[in-house]
Amino acid sequence: MIELHEIMRQRGDSLFTELLCRVRTNSCTDEDINVLQSRIITPTSRDYPTHALHIYRLNKDVDDRYKFMLNKLASEEQFLIKAADATGDKPIDLSNVPDKRTETGNLHTTLKLAVGARVMLTVNVYVYDGLVNGA
C-alpha cells in the first residue's frame, strides 16, 4: 500500500490547502464557508466560464452538458462511433451488452464526437502516454 503525504495540486496556496483539509475532515470554520460561498458562480452570471471544466454528481447531468456543448459545435462534422471489442483476433458480439454505463465499467456503447469536442477519461488507459483519469 502507498500512502500519499504531500499535496501537489494546491501546493502554492497554503490557505486553500488548509481549507480543503478541513473540508475533508468535516471541520470547516465559518470563514471556510464564507470563502467557498464567495466562489459560487451560476450559469446566469455575466462572467460565467462556459468553456471551463464542469464536474457533476450524476451521469445524466454530464451527458446533458456534453450534448449541449456538442450542439454548440454544430458547424463541425459530428461522428457516431460504436464500441468494438475483441479477445485476441476474435471479435466479441456486443449486441447483448447493456446500454447502461453502470453495467459496462463506465464505457459507452456508442460515442458521439466532433472536432473541438472536449472529452475526459474516467479511468487510466495508458499512463505512460498521459491517458489517465481526469485527462
C-alpha atoms as a PDB file:
ATOM      1  CA  MET A   1       0.000   0.000   0.000  1.00  0.00           C
ATOM      2  CA  ILE A   2       1.192   3.512  -0.810  1.00  0.00           C
ATOM      3  CA  GLU A   3       0.275   6.420   1.424  1.00  0.00           C
ATOM      4  CA  LEU A   4       0.497   9.906  -0.041  1.00  0.00           C
ATOM      5  CA  HIS A   5       1.822  12.616   2.270  1.00  0.00           C
ATOM      6  CA  GLU A   6       2.289  15.631   0.003  1.00  0.00           C
ATOM      7  CA  ILE A   7      -0.376  17.808  -1.594  1.00  0.00           C
ATOM      8  CA  MET A   8       0.634  18.570  -5.173  1.00  0.00           C
ATOM      9  CA  ARG A   9      -2.213  20.384  -6.935  1.00  0.00           C
ATOM     10  CA  GLN A  10      -2.635  23.184  -4.376  1.00  0.00           C
ATOM     11  CA  ARG A  11       0.967  23.331  -3.170  1.00  0.00           C
ATOM     12  CA  GLY A  12       1.327  27.047  -3.986  1.00  0.00           C
ATOM     13  CA  ASP A  13      -1.745  28.087  -1.995  1.00  0.00           C
ATOM     14  CA  SER A  14      -1.390  27.073   1.647  1.00  0.00           C
ATOM     15  CA  LEU A  15      -4.585  28.843   2.784  1.00  0.00           C
ATOM     16  CA  PHE A  16      -6.687  26.967   0.222  1.00  0.00           C
ATOM     17  CA  THR A  17      -4.854  23.716   1.023  1.00  0.00           C
ATOM     18  CA  GLU A  18      -5.706  24.102   4.703  1.00  0.00           C
ATOM     19  CA  LEU A  19      -9.327  24.893   3.822  1.00  0.00           C
ATOM     20  CA  LEU A  20      -9.566  21.722   1.699  1.00  0.00           C
ATOM     21  CA  CYS A  21      -8.092  19.649   4.527  1.00  0.00           C
ATOM     22  CA  ARG A  22     -10.765  20.983   6.885  1.00  0.00           C
ATOM     23  CA  VAL A  23     -13.467  20.181   4.303  1.00  0.00           C
ATOM     24  CA  ARG A  24     -12.065  16.656   4.041  1.00  0.00           C
ATOM     25  CA  THR A  25     -12.323  16.131   7.810  1.00  0.00           C
ATOM     26  CA  ASN A  26     -15.704  17.894   8.176  1.00  0.00           C
ATOM     27  CA  SER A  27     -14.173  20.583  10.400  1.00  0.00           C
ATOM     28  CA  CYS A  28     -14.878  23.729   8.355  1.00  0.00           C
ATOM     29  CA  THR A  29     -14.801  27.096  10.056  1.00  0.00           C
ATOM     30  CA  ASP A  30     -17.316  29.859   9.403  1.00  0.00           C
ATOM     31  CA  GLU A  31     -14.589  31.625   7.406  1.00  0.00           C
ATOM     32  CA  ASP A  32     -14.123  28.482   5.253  1.00  0.00           C
ATOM     33  CA  ILE A  33     -17.841  28.505   4.447  1.00  0.00           C
ATOM     34  CA  ASN A  34     -17.684  32.217   3.599  1.00  0.00           C
ATOM     35  CA  VAL A  35     -14.691  31.688   1.292  1.00  0.00           C
ATOM     36  CA  LEU A  36     -16.372  28.785  -0.501  1.00  0.00           C
ATOM     37  CA  GLN A  37     -19.662  30.655  -0.857  1.00  0.00           C
ATOM     38  CA  SER A  38     -17.815  33.660  -2.289  1.00  0.00           C
ATOM     39  CA  ARG A  39     -16.627  31.399  -5.127  1.00  0.00           C
ATOM     40  CA  ILE A  40     -20.113  30.335  -6.224  1.00  0.00           C
ATOM     41  CA  ILE A  41     -20.929  31.326  -9.776  1.00  0.00           C
ATOM     42  CA  THR A  42     -24.114  30.494 -11.659  1.00  0.00           C
ATOM     43  CA  PRO A  43     -24.678  29.982 -15.390  1.00  0.00           C
ATOM     44  CA  THR A  44     -26.596  33.264 -15.446  1.00  0.00           C
ATOM     45  CA  SER A  45     -23.595  35.248 -14.170  1.00  0.00           C
ATOM     46  CA  ARG A  46     -22.140  37.706 -16.670  1.00  0.00           C
ATOM     47  CA  ASP A  47     -18.620  36.273 -16.317  1.00  0.00           C
ATOM     48  CA  TYR A  48     -19.646  32.598 -16.213  1.00  0.00           C
ATOM     49  CA  PRO A  49     -16.840  30.476 -17.748  1.00  0.00           C
ATOM     50  CA  THR A  50     -18.877  28.389 -20.207  1.00  0.00           C
ATOM     51  CA  HIS A  51     -15.822  26.524 -21.508  1.00  0.00           C
ATOM     52  CA  ALA A  52     -14.413  25.678 -18.075  1.00  0.00           C
ATOM     53  CA  LEU A  53     -14.461  22.057 -16.947  1.00  0.00           C
ATOM     54  CA  HIS A  54     -17.790  21.235 -15.307  1.00  0.00           C
ATOM     55  CA  ILE A  55     -17.974  18.456 -12.722  1.00  0.00           C
ATOM     56  CA  TYR A  56     -21.303  16.798 -11.964  1.00  0.00           C
ATOM     57  CA  ARG A  57     -22.538  14.250  -9.474  1.00  0.00           C
ATOM     58  CA  LEU A  58     -24.852  12.415 -11.882  1.00  0.00           C
ATOM     59  CA  ASN A  59     -24.023  10.851 -15.262  1.00  0.00           C
ATOM     60  CA  LYS A  60     -27.271  12.293 -16.654  1.00  0.00           C
ATOM     61  CA  ASP A  61     -26.040  15.818 -15.907  1.00  0.00           C
ATOM     62  CA  VAL A  62     -22.693  15.012 -17.538  1.00  0.00           C
ATOM     63  CA  ASP A  63     -24.487  13.689 -20.626  1.00  0.00           C
ATOM     64  CA  ASP A  64     -26.758  16.744 -20.814  1.00  0.00           C
ATOM     65  CA  ARG A  65     -23.779  19.101 -20.627  1.00  0.00           C
ATOM     66  CA  TYR A  66     -21.903  17.111 -23.283  1.00  0.00           C
ATOM     67  CA  LYS A  67     -24.901  17.228 -25.643  1.00  0.00           C
ATOM     68  CA  PHE A  68     -25.267  20.967 -25.028  1.00  0.00           C
ATOM     69  CA  MET A  69     -21.603  21.599 -25.830  1.00  0.00           C
ATOM     70  CA  LEU A  70     -21.711  19.312 -28.903  1.00  0.00           C
ATOM     71  CA  ASN A  71     -24.661  21.298 -30.216  1.00  0.00           C
ATOM     72  CA  LYS A  72     -22.556  24.454 -29.935  1.00  0.00           C
ATOM     73  CA  LEU A  73     -20.153  22.743 -32.363  1.00  0.00           C
ATOM     74  CA  ALA A  74     -22.968  22.225 -34.862  1.00  0.00           C
ATOM     75  CA  SER A  75     -20.856  23.688 -37.659  1.00  0.00           C
ATOM     76  CA  GLU A  76     -18.333  20.896 -37.158  1.00  0.00           C
ATOM     77  CA  GLU A  77     -18.858  17.434 -38.596  1.00  0.00           C
ATOM     78  CA  GLN A  78     -20.013  15.009 -35.919  1.00  0.00           C
ATOM     79  CA  PHE A  79     -19.192  11.313 -35.730  1.00  0.00           C
ATOM     80  CA  LEU A  80     -21.023   8.458 -34.027  1.00  0.00           C
ATOM     81  CA  ILE A  81     -18.565   5.741 -33.052  1.00  0.00           C
ATOM     82  CA  LYS A  82     -19.860   2.323 -31.994  1.00  0.00           C
ATOM     83  CA  ALA A  83     -17.934   0.263 -29.468  1.00  0.00           C
ATOM     84  CA  ALA A  84     -15.875  -2.641 -30.766  1.00  0.00           C
ATOM     85  CA  ASP A  85     -14.280  -5.308 -28.614  1.00  0.00           C
ATOM     86  CA  ALA A  86     -12.160  -8.365 -29.242  1.00  0.00           C
ATOM     87  CA  THR A  87     -10.252 -11.071 -27.443  1.00  0.00           C
ATOM     88  CA  GLY A  88      -7.072 -11.594 -29.381  1.00  0.00           C
ATOM     89  CA  ASP A  89      -8.141 -11.667 -33.019  1.00  0.00           C
ATOM     90  CA  LYS A  90     -11.705 -12.839 -32.282  1.00  0.00           C
ATOM     91  CA  PRO A  91     -14.374 -10.092 -32.283  1.00  0.00           C
ATOM     92  CA  ILE A  92     -16.877 -10.140 -29.439  1.00  0.00           C
ATOM     93  CA  ASP A  93     -20.604  -9.817 -30.150  1.00  0.00           C
ATOM     94  CA  LEU A  94     -21.729  -6.620 -28.417  1.00  0.00           C
ATOM     95  CA  SER A  95     -25.423  -6.967 -29.264  1.00  0.00           C
ATOM     96  CA  ASN A  96     -26.198  -8.261 -25.758  1.00  0.00           C
ATOM     97  CA  VAL A  97     -24.103  -5.680 -23.909  1.00  0.00           C
ATOM     98  CA  PRO A  98     -26.189  -3.480 -21.600  1.00  0.00           C
ATOM     99  CA  ASP A  99     -26.509   0.166 -22.630  1.00  0.00           C
ATOM    100  CA  LYS A 100     -26.117   1.463 -19.069  1.00  0.00           C
ATOM    101  CA  ARG A 101     -22.638   2.720 -18.193  1.00  0.00           C
ATOM    102  CA  THR A 102     -23.090   1.485 -14.642  1.00  0.00           C
ATOM    103  CA  GLU A 103     -23.087  -2.043 -16.099  1.00  0.00           C
ATOM    104  CA  THR A 104     -20.226  -1.590 -18.591  1.00  0.00           C
ATOM    105  CA  GLY A 105     -17.406  -0.217 -16.449  1.00  0.00           C
ATOM    106  CA  ASN A 106     -18.488   3.353 -17.328  1.00  0.00           C
ATOM    107  CA  LEU A 107     -17.977   2.669 -21.031  1.00  0.00           C
ATOM    108  CA  HIS A 108     -20.402   3.910 -23.665  1.00  0.00           C
ATOM    109  CA  THR A 109     -21.707   1.547 -26.334  1.00  0.00           C
ATOM    110  CA  THR A 110     -21.664   4.497 -28.742  1.00  0.00           C
ATOM    111  CA  LEU A 111     -19.813   7.788 -28.520  1.00  0.00           C
ATOM    112  CA  LYS A 112     -20.680  10.963 -30.368  1.00  0.00           C
ATOM    113  CA  LEU A 113     -17.670  13.153 -31.152  1.00  0.00           C
ATOM    114  CA  ALA A 114     -16.930  16.294 -33.116  1.00  0.00           C
ATOM    115  CA  VAL A 115     -13.795  18.228 -33.947  1.00  0.00           C
ATOM    116  CA  GLY A 116     -13.175  20.530 -30.989  1.00  0.00           C
ATOM    117  CA  ALA A 117     -15.224  18.488 -28.509  1.00  0.00           C
ATOM    118  CA  ARG A 118     -13.627  18.145 -25.098  1.00  0.00           C
ATOM    119  CA  VAL A 119     -13.648  14.710 -23.501  1.00  0.00           C
ATOM    120  CA  MET A 120     -12.337  13.447 -20.188  1.00  0.00           C
ATOM    121  CA  LEU A 121     -11.063   9.994 -19.358  1.00  0.00           C
ATOM    122  CA  THR A 122     -12.589   8.434 -16.248  1.00  0.00           C
ATOM    123  CA  VAL A 123     -10.110   5.558 -15.984  1.00  0.00           C
ATOM    124  CA  ASN A 124      -6.396   5.189 -16.616  1.00  0.00           C
ATOM    125  CA  VAL A 125      -5.947   3.996 -20.205  1.00  0.00           C
ATOM    126  CA  TYR A 126      -2.212   4.294 -20.839  1.00  0.00           C
ATOM    127  CA  VAL A 127      -0.347   6.116 -18.081  1.00  0.00           C
ATOM    128  CA  TYR A 128       2.961   6.412 -19.961  1.00  0.00           C
ATOM    129  CA  ASP A 129       1.302   8.441 -22.734  1.00  0.00           C
ATOM    130  CA  GLY A 130      -0.660  10.592 -20.285  1.00  0.00           C
ATOM    131  CA  LEU A 131      -4.001   8.896 -20.984  1.00  0.00           C
ATOM    132  CA  VAL A 132      -5.043   8.975 -17.337  1.00  0.00           C
ATOM    133  CA  ASN A 133      -8.159   9.520 -15.255  1.00  0.00           C
ATOM    134  CA  GLY A 134      -9.019  13.213 -15.409  1.00  0.00           C
ATOM    135  CA  ALA A 135      -7.041  13.928 -18.580  1.00  0.00           C
END
